[in-house]
Amino acid sequence: MLDTGAGAVEHLYIHVPFCPTICPFCDFHVLERRAGLVEAYLAAIDREAAELAATYGVGALRTVYFGGGTPSYLRDAEIAALVEIVRRRLGWSTEEATLEVHPSTAGPGRVAHWAELGFDRLSVGVQSTDDATLRFLGRSHSARDALAAVHAALDHGGVRVSADLITAVPGQDVEADLERVARLGVGHVSAYTLTIEEGTPFARAGVEVDAFAEERALAAADAVLGQHGLARYEVSNHARPDERSLHNLAYWRMRRYLGLGPGATGFYPALPALGEPAPDATGVVASGIVATGAVLGWRRTNPPLGRWLAGERGEPEVVTASDYAAETMLVGLRLADGVDLTELAQRSGLDPRVHFAAALEGEIGVGRLEIEGSTVRATATGRRVLDQVASAFLAG
């Protein structure tokens, strides 16, 4: 039976664009707070949440994720107001509620407040445990601040704690950084290699990431974090058993989610109430496989703060069955679990063994993918060149 994605959407992302500093590597929608801006933001969040509730209803969400920007940069009363809006308009999480945390904003009292509001997972932006590396990255906190923030979160005991690291930074001792973070006892580590995005200060300054350093950092993360019981479950993410990010897994498994706030992206079911066509019933054949152009949903990215405050919303981008299948392969192959081809057929209406026959045969043949039962996953060789592997499915 084809899963069109209609019905309740179980995941919510809220973008908080405010940051104490704008880092030279960042290409997210971020800005410093100014008088009256947070108040206007909260009022607009309430309006947009009401819009989403009118279309998708109110109920229990599986995951809620406050990202940014720096959500913890909001004052206590502001975070409480934002949580109240979400609870009143859209419901709250039944499995996981995450707050991204800047180390300079965290202390025992604030951690307790966040937990009381309903957050059970804190993602702390450590980035490095070395002051020289933090200065290079333009971070406003010190290594001592980062370690203190993680300890404050761990000492509370009522929240799961993740630490974010940036690796492959010029001059960084990546093994030492990984070791210091792993020894803290966190249940999850995201170790992202530094990426130079177009238009950022790093790009304008000509900063480059050495390909050898990037490969070494990925291998070091596997080795060092693995020794401390943090297994890689996605290219850049490592966790202890039962500590995986459920919200991010929803992205990597191509589940639908609501996007709330300026710059936020949402992936929505195709609902007639939104003026989008339902999946093309004429494309269904006896085997249950639909036409590649059947509409399974739509994606929208909100504009920056000024236009969003004025009520503007992003232009919807239709996601067809073919789009959905290709994107599922692109993001799903990042997971150690890989992609279940039988499930993908059920969710997209396309048989990936047929639709991607040439790509699968070619990538398995050169040893970059492997298949076991109905599951296909990247090999160690394939993980090193995932962009090349992914291009084969885009062509498919």
Protein backbone atom coordinates (compact mmCIF):
# COMPACT_ATOMS: atom_id res chain seq x y z
CA MET A 1 0.00 0.00 0.00
CA LEU A 2 1.35 3.41 -0.97
CA ASP A 3 2.15 5.71 1.96
CA THR A 4 1.25 9.19 0.68
CA GLY A 5 2.31 10.84 3.91
CA ALA A 6 -1.16 12.25 4.52
CA GLY A 7 -2.34 12.65 8.08
CA ALA A 8 -0.52 13.81 11.19
CA VAL A 9 2.98 15.21 10.93
CA GLU A 10 4.98 14.00 13.91
CA HIS A 11 8.08 16.22 13.91
CA LEU A 12 8.58 19.96 14.39
CA TYR A 13 11.60 22.19 13.83
CA ILE A 14 11.61 25.75 15.24
CA HIS A 15 14.28 28.17 14.03
CA VAL A 16 15.54 30.78 16.49
CA PRO A 17 17.74 33.12 14.42
CA PHE A 18 19.37 35.12 17.22
CA CYS A 19 23.05 34.63 18.07
CA PRO A 20 25.50 36.41 20.40
CA THR A 21 28.10 36.36 17.60
CA ILE A 22 28.08 35.45 13.92
CA CYS A 23 30.77 32.81 13.28
CA PRO A 24 32.85 33.11 10.08
CA PHE A 25 31.93 29.59 8.91
CA CYS A 26 28.17 29.92 9.45
CA ASP A 27 25.75 30.15 6.51
CA PHE A 28 22.53 29.70 8.52
CA HIS A 29 19.99 32.49 8.88
CA VAL A 30 21.34 34.20 12.01
CA LEU A 31 21.44 37.75 13.36
CA GLU A 32 22.08 39.65 16.58
CA ARG A 33 19.09 40.63 18.69
CA ARG A 34 17.88 44.23 18.71
CA ALA A 35 15.28 46.08 20.76
CA GLY A 36 11.78 44.77 20.09
CA LEU A 37 12.93 42.11 17.64
CA VAL A 38 12.43 39.08 19.87
CA GLU A 39 8.95 40.29 20.84
CA ALA A 40 8.03 40.63 17.15
CA TYR A 41 9.52 37.20 16.48
CA LEU A 42 7.41 35.54 19.20
CA ALA A 43 4.22 37.18 17.93
CA ALA A 44 4.96 35.99 14.38
CA ILE A 45 5.77 32.47 15.64
CA ASP A 46 2.33 32.39 17.24
CA ARG A 47 0.69 33.40 13.95
CA GLU A 48 2.60 30.85 11.89
CA ALA A 49 1.98 28.10 14.45
CA ALA A 50 -1.75 28.86 14.19
CA GLU A 51 -1.50 28.56 10.39
CA LEU A 52 0.17 25.15 10.66
CA ALA A 53 -2.32 24.00 13.30
CA ALA A 54 -5.24 24.97 11.07
CA THR A 55 -3.90 22.69 8.34
CA TYR A 56 -2.35 19.80 10.27
CA GLY A 57 -4.23 19.91 13.58
CA VAL A 58 -2.95 19.86 17.14
CA GLY A 59 -1.73 16.78 18.91
CA ALA A 60 1.21 14.81 20.16
CA LEU A 61 4.43 15.29 18.22
CA ARG A 62 7.12 12.63 18.39
CA THR A 63 9.99 15.15 18.34
CA VAL A 64 10.45 18.89 18.75
CA TYR A 65 13.75 20.59 17.93
CA PHE A 66 14.68 24.19 18.79
CA GLY A 67 17.62 25.09 16.53
CA GLY A 68 19.28 28.20 15.22
CA GLY A 69 20.93 30.43 15.62
CA THR A 70 21.21 30.03 19.36
CA PRO A 71 17.90 29.15 21.05
CA SER A 72 19.54 29.24 24.49
CA TYR A 73 20.49 32.88 23.79
CA LEU A 74 16.85 33.76 24.44
CA ARG A 75 16.09 34.87 28.00
CA ASP A 76 14.29 32.47 30.33
CA ALA A 77 10.92 34.18 29.92
CA GLU A 78 11.33 34.25 26.13
CA ILE A 79 12.11 30.54 25.88
CA ALA A 80 9.14 29.83 28.16
CA ALA A 81 6.90 31.94 25.91
CA LEU A 82 8.10 30.09 22.81
CA VAL A 83 7.49 26.71 24.44
CA GLU A 84 4.00 27.82 25.52
CA ILE A 85 3.13 28.82 21.95
CA VAL A 86 4.23 25.44 20.61
CA ARG A 87 2.35 23.53 23.30
CA ARG A 88 -0.84 25.55 22.85
CA ARG A 89 -0.87 25.56 19.06
CA LEU A 90 0.78 22.31 18.01
CA GLY A 91 1.25 20.08 21.04
CA TRP A 92 4.53 18.83 22.49
CA SER A 93 6.90 15.93 22.02
CA THR A 94 6.16 12.43 23.23
CA GLU A 95 9.68 11.10 22.63
CA GLU A 96 12.28 13.88 22.37
CA ALA A 97 12.50 17.67 22.77
CA THR A 98 15.89 19.16 21.92
CA LEU A 99 17.34 22.59 22.68
CA GLU A 100 20.55 23.76 21.03
CA VAL A 101 22.79 25.40 23.62
CA HIS A 102 25.67 27.87 23.36
CA PRO A 103 28.21 27.16 26.13
CA SER A 104 28.22 30.79 27.31
CA THR A 105 24.49 30.56 28.11
CA ALA A 106 24.47 27.38 30.19
CA GLY A 107 24.65 26.93 33.94
CA PRO A 108 23.00 24.65 36.51
CA GLY A 109 20.05 27.00 37.05
CA ARG A 110 19.31 27.43 33.36
CA VAL A 111 19.64 23.70 32.66
CA ALA A 112 17.08 23.02 35.38
CA HIS A 113 14.76 25.66 33.88
CA TRP A 114 15.03 24.11 30.40
CA ALA A 115 14.25 20.69 31.82
CA GLU A 116 11.20 22.07 33.65
CA LEU A 117 9.95 23.50 30.35
CA GLY A 118 10.04 20.01 28.84
CA PHE A 119 13.40 19.73 27.10
CA ASP A 120 14.91 16.29 27.62
CA ARG A 121 17.85 16.64 25.23
CA LEU A 122 20.47 19.42 25.14
CA SER A 123 22.80 19.79 22.16
CA VAL A 124 25.80 21.80 23.35
CA GLY A 125 27.87 23.64 20.74
CA VAL A 126 31.28 22.74 22.14
CA GLN A 127 32.95 22.94 18.66
CA SER A 128 36.40 22.42 20.22
CA THR A 129 38.08 21.90 23.58
CA ASP A 130 41.12 23.91 22.45
CA ASP A 131 41.17 27.69 22.81
CA ALA A 132 43.32 28.30 19.73
CA THR A 133 40.91 26.30 17.58
CA LEU A 134 37.93 28.16 19.06
CA ARG A 135 39.57 31.51 18.26
CA PHE A 136 40.19 30.41 14.68
CA LEU A 137 36.51 29.44 14.41
CA GLY A 138 35.45 32.84 15.74
CA ARG A 139 33.68 31.36 18.75
CA SER A 140 32.93 33.67 21.68
CA HIS A 141 33.35 30.98 24.34
CA SER A 142 36.46 29.35 25.77
CA ALA A 143 37.30 25.68 26.17
CA ARG A 144 36.62 26.07 29.90
CA ASP A 145 33.16 27.49 29.11
CA ALA A 146 32.42 24.53 26.84
CA LEU A 147 33.45 21.92 29.38
CA ALA A 148 31.53 23.69 32.16
CA ALA A 149 28.37 23.78 30.05
CA VAL A 150 28.55 20.06 29.33
CA HIS A 151 29.16 19.29 33.01
CA ALA A 152 26.18 21.45 34.02
CA ALA A 153 23.96 19.51 31.63
CA LEU A 154 25.28 16.12 32.70
CA ASP A 155 25.04 16.95 36.39
CA HIS A 156 21.33 17.69 36.09
CA GLY A 157 20.62 14.05 35.30
CA GLY A 158 17.22 14.67 33.74
CA VAL A 159 18.38 15.39 30.20
CA ARG A 160 20.34 13.58 27.53
CA VAL A 161 23.42 15.49 26.42
CA SER A 162 24.98 15.80 22.97
CA ALA A 163 28.20 17.64 22.16
CA ASP A 164 28.86 19.20 18.75
CA LEU A 165 32.42 19.30 17.43
CA ILE A 166 33.94 20.81 14.31
CA THR A 167 36.84 18.79 12.92
CA ALA A 168 39.42 19.11 10.13
CA VAL A 169 40.12 22.67 11.30
CA PRO A 170 43.58 23.91 10.25
CA GLY A 171 46.02 23.37 13.12
CA GLN A 172 43.60 21.26 15.17
CA ASP A 173 44.72 18.18 17.09
CA VAL A 174 41.55 16.30 16.18
CA GLU A 175 42.32 13.15 18.17
CA ALA A 176 42.88 15.15 21.37
CA ASP A 177 39.66 17.11 20.82
CA LEU A 178 37.64 13.94 20.30
CA GLU A 179 39.23 12.24 23.30
CA ARG A 180 38.49 15.13 25.68
CA VAL A 181 34.84 15.26 24.62
CA ALA A 182 34.36 11.49 24.79
CA ARG A 183 35.76 11.39 28.32
CA LEU A 184 33.08 13.82 29.50
CA GLY A 185 30.53 11.01 29.39
CA VAL A 186 28.07 12.52 26.91
CA GLY A 187 25.72 10.09 25.17
CA HIS A 188 26.00 11.64 21.71
CA VAL A 189 28.68 13.43 19.68
CA SER A 190 28.20 15.18 16.36
CA ALA A 191 31.61 15.55 14.71
CA TYR A 192 31.17 17.64 11.57
CA THR A 193 34.14 18.38 9.34
CA LEU A 194 34.59 22.10 8.66
CA THR A 195 32.80 23.10 5.47
CA ILE A 196 33.53 26.37 3.69
CA GLU A 197 30.20 27.68 2.45
CA GLU A 198 29.95 30.24 -0.33
CA GLY A 199 29.43 33.79 0.89
CA THR A 200 30.78 33.22 4.41
CA PRO A 201 33.73 35.21 5.85
CA PHE A 202 35.86 32.05 5.65
CA ALA A 203 35.08 31.72 1.94
CA ARG A 204 35.92 35.38 1.29
CA ALA A 205 39.19 34.94 3.22
CA GLY A 206 40.16 31.91 1.13
CA VAL A 207 40.15 29.41 4.01
CA GLU A 208 40.41 25.86 2.70
CA VAL A 209 39.91 22.43 4.25
CA ASP A 210 42.54 19.86 3.34
CA ALA A 211 40.95 16.71 1.91
CA PHE A 212 43.46 14.52 3.76
CA ALA A 213 42.63 16.27 7.06
CA GLU A 214 38.92 15.68 6.42
CA GLU A 215 39.43 11.97 5.78
CA ARG A 216 41.70 11.69 8.82
CA ALA A 217 39.09 13.42 10.99
CA LEU A 218 36.35 11.00 9.92
CA ALA A 219 38.59 8.02 10.67
CA ALA A 220 39.65 9.51 14.02
CA ALA A 221 36.02 10.04 15.04
CA ASP A 222 35.24 6.38 14.32
CA ALA A 223 38.28 5.17 16.26
CA VAL A 224 38.32 7.52 19.27
CA LEU A 225 34.59 7.79 19.86
CA GLY A 226 34.11 4.08 19.22
CA GLN A 227 36.58 3.26 21.99
CA HIS A 228 34.32 5.17 24.39
CA GLY A 229 31.15 3.35 23.35
CA LEU A 230 29.91 6.02 20.95
CA ALA A 231 29.12 4.12 17.74
CA ARG A 232 28.80 5.90 14.41
CA TYR A 233 25.19 5.71 13.23
CA GLU A 234 25.43 8.47 10.61
CA VAL A 235 28.45 9.81 8.76
CA SER A 236 29.07 12.56 11.33
CA ASN A 237 27.04 11.37 14.33
CA HIS A 238 27.99 8.92 17.07
CA ALA A 239 25.93 7.73 20.03
CA ARG A 240 25.65 5.27 22.87
CA PRO A 241 22.79 2.75 22.63
CA ASP A 242 19.41 4.53 22.81
CA GLU A 243 21.03 7.98 22.57
CA ARG A 244 20.59 8.64 18.86
CA SER A 245 18.94 11.92 17.83
CA LEU A 246 15.38 10.85 17.00
CA HIS A 247 14.62 14.18 15.37
CA ASN A 248 17.57 14.04 13.00
CA LEU A 249 16.79 10.42 12.20
CA ALA A 250 13.40 11.65 10.99
CA TYR A 251 15.23 13.87 8.46
CA TRP A 252 17.55 11.08 7.34
CA ARG A 253 14.60 8.71 6.95
CA MET A 254 12.62 11.29 4.95
CA ARG A 255 9.73 11.68 7.35
CA ARG A 256 7.50 14.74 7.02
CA TYR A 257 8.04 17.60 9.48
CA LEU A 258 6.76 21.09 10.22
CA GLY A 259 9.12 24.06 9.87
CA LEU A 260 8.41 27.08 12.07
CA GLY A 261 10.25 30.41 12.00
CA PRO A 262 12.37 32.50 9.61
CA GLY A 263 14.63 30.40 7.40
CA ALA A 264 12.99 27.17 8.61
CA THR A 265 12.34 24.39 6.12
CA GLY A 266 9.36 22.06 6.37
CA PHE A 267 8.49 18.89 4.46
CA TYR A 268 4.73 18.51 4.28
CA PRO A 269 2.21 15.97 3.00
CA ALA A 270 0.32 16.82 -0.18
CA LEU A 271 -3.00 18.02 1.18
CA PRO A 272 -5.84 19.38 -0.96
CA ALA A 273 -6.45 22.08 1.68
CA LEU A 274 -3.15 23.64 0.64
CA GLY A 275 -4.09 23.66 -3.01
CA GLU A 276 -1.63 20.88 -3.80
CA PRO A 277 -2.80 17.86 -5.77
CA ALA A 278 -3.10 14.49 -4.07
CA PRO A 279 -0.96 11.65 -5.42
CA ASP A 280 -1.93 10.89 -8.99
CA ALA A 281 -4.38 7.99 -8.76
CA THR A 282 -4.18 7.50 -12.53
CA GLY A 283 -0.52 6.60 -12.10
CA VAL A 284 -1.26 3.57 -9.98
CA VAL A 285 -0.90 0.28 -11.84
CA ALA A 286 -1.78 -3.27 -10.93
CA SER A 287 1.52 -3.80 -9.13
CA GLY A 288 0.81 -0.83 -6.85
CA ILE A 289 3.63 1.25 -8.34
CA VAL A 290 2.80 4.89 -9.10
CA ALA A 291 3.98 7.25 -11.82
CA THR A 292 7.32 8.91 -11.07
CA GLY A 293 5.63 12.32 -11.24
CA ALA A 294 2.95 11.54 -8.64
CA VAL A 295 2.99 14.22 -5.94
CA LEU A 296 3.85 12.83 -2.51
CA GLY A 297 4.36 16.11 -0.70
CA TRP A 298 5.90 19.54 -0.83
CA ARG A 299 8.78 21.40 0.76
CA ARG A 300 8.96 25.04 1.78
CA THR A 301 11.76 27.21 3.17
CA ASN A 302 10.69 30.39 4.90
CA PRO A 303 12.33 33.71 3.95
CA PRO A 304 14.65 35.69 6.27
CA LEU A 305 13.33 37.44 9.35
CA GLY A 306 12.16 40.75 7.86
CA ARG A 307 10.03 39.23 5.12
CA TRP A 308 8.83 36.45 7.43
CA LEU A 309 7.69 38.98 10.04
CA ALA A 310 5.65 40.64 7.29
CA GLY A 311 3.80 37.35 6.78
CA GLU A 312 5.64 36.10 3.72
CA ARG A 313 6.13 32.34 3.41
CA GLY A 314 8.43 30.39 1.15
CA GLU A 315 7.34 29.14 -2.25
CA PRO A 316 6.21 25.50 -2.12
CA GLU A 317 8.35 23.01 -4.02
CA VAL A 318 6.53 19.86 -5.11
CA VAL A 319 8.13 16.54 -4.14
CA THR A 320 7.26 13.81 -6.60
CA ALA A 321 7.56 10.07 -6.08
CA SER A 322 10.81 10.14 -8.06
CA ASP A 323 12.15 13.06 -6.00
CA TYR A 324 11.23 11.31 -2.77
CA ALA A 325 12.92 8.06 -3.76
CA ALA A 326 16.12 9.82 -4.87
CA GLU A 327 16.31 12.00 -1.74
CA THR A 328 15.70 8.97 0.48
CA MET A 329 18.71 7.28 -1.09
CA LEU A 330 20.84 10.43 -0.74
CA VAL A 331 20.19 10.96 2.95
CA GLY A 332 19.55 7.35 3.92
CA LEU A 333 22.93 6.16 2.70
CA ARG A 334 24.49 8.45 5.29
CA LEU A 335 23.11 6.11 7.95
CA ALA A 336 25.00 3.04 9.13
CA ASP A 337 21.64 1.24 8.96
CA GLY A 338 21.34 2.13 5.27
CA VAL A 339 18.07 2.18 3.31
CA ASP A 340 15.39 -0.51 3.47
CA LEU A 341 14.37 -0.84 -0.17
CA THR A 342 11.11 -2.58 0.66
CA GLU A 343 10.07 0.24 2.97
CA LEU A 344 11.11 2.82 0.37
CA ALA A 345 8.87 1.12 -2.18
CA GLN A 346 5.97 1.29 0.26
CA ARG A 347 6.57 4.95 1.07
CA SER A 348 7.25 6.20 -2.46
CA GLY A 349 5.24 3.86 -4.64
CA LEU A 350 8.31 3.22 -6.79
CA ASP A 351 10.31 0.02 -6.70
CA PRO A 352 13.88 1.25 -6.09
CA ARG A 353 15.31 -2.04 -7.35
CA VAL A 354 13.84 -1.18 -10.75
CA HIS A 355 13.95 2.62 -10.63
CA PHE A 356 17.62 2.66 -9.54
CA ALA A 357 18.69 -0.62 -11.13
CA ALA A 358 21.68 0.83 -12.99
CA ALA A 359 22.91 2.88 -10.02
CA LEU A 360 22.59 0.00 -7.58
CA GLU A 361 24.32 -2.46 -9.90
CA GLY A 362 27.14 -0.02 -10.64
CA GLU A 363 27.81 1.08 -7.04
CA ILE A 364 27.60 -2.47 -5.67
CA GLY A 365 29.88 -3.64 -8.48
CA VAL A 366 32.66 -1.21 -7.57
CA GLY A 367 32.34 -1.97 -3.85
CA ARG A 368 30.88 1.36 -2.71
CA LEU A 369 27.53 -0.12 -1.70
CA GLU A 370 26.55 -3.49 -0.27
CA ILE A 371 23.17 -5.15 -0.03
CA GLU A 372 21.88 -7.54 2.62
CA GLY A 373 18.31 -8.75 2.27
CA SER A 374 16.29 -5.65 1.42
CA THR A 375 18.80 -3.22 2.97
CA VAL A 376 21.44 -1.34 1.00
CA ARG A 377 24.20 0.57 2.78
CA ALA A 378 27.46 2.31 2.01
CA THR A 379 30.70 0.41 2.54
CA ALA A 380 33.73 2.02 4.18
CA THR A 381 34.94 2.90 0.67
CA GLY A 382 31.56 4.36 -0.24
CA ARG A 383 31.39 6.53 2.88
CA ARG A 384 34.56 8.30 1.81
CA VAL A 385 32.99 9.33 -1.51
CA LEU A 386 29.30 9.60 -0.64
CA ASP A 387 28.81 12.61 -2.90
CA GLN A 388 29.90 10.51 -5.88
CA VAL A 389 27.68 7.63 -4.79
CA ALA A 390 24.73 10.00 -4.40
CA SER A 391 25.20 11.44 -7.89
CA ALA A 392 24.47 8.01 -9.37
CA PHE A 393 20.98 8.08 -7.82
CA LEU A 394 20.32 11.65 -8.91
CA ALA A 395 21.03 10.50 -12.43
CA GLY A 396 18.74 7.52 -11.89
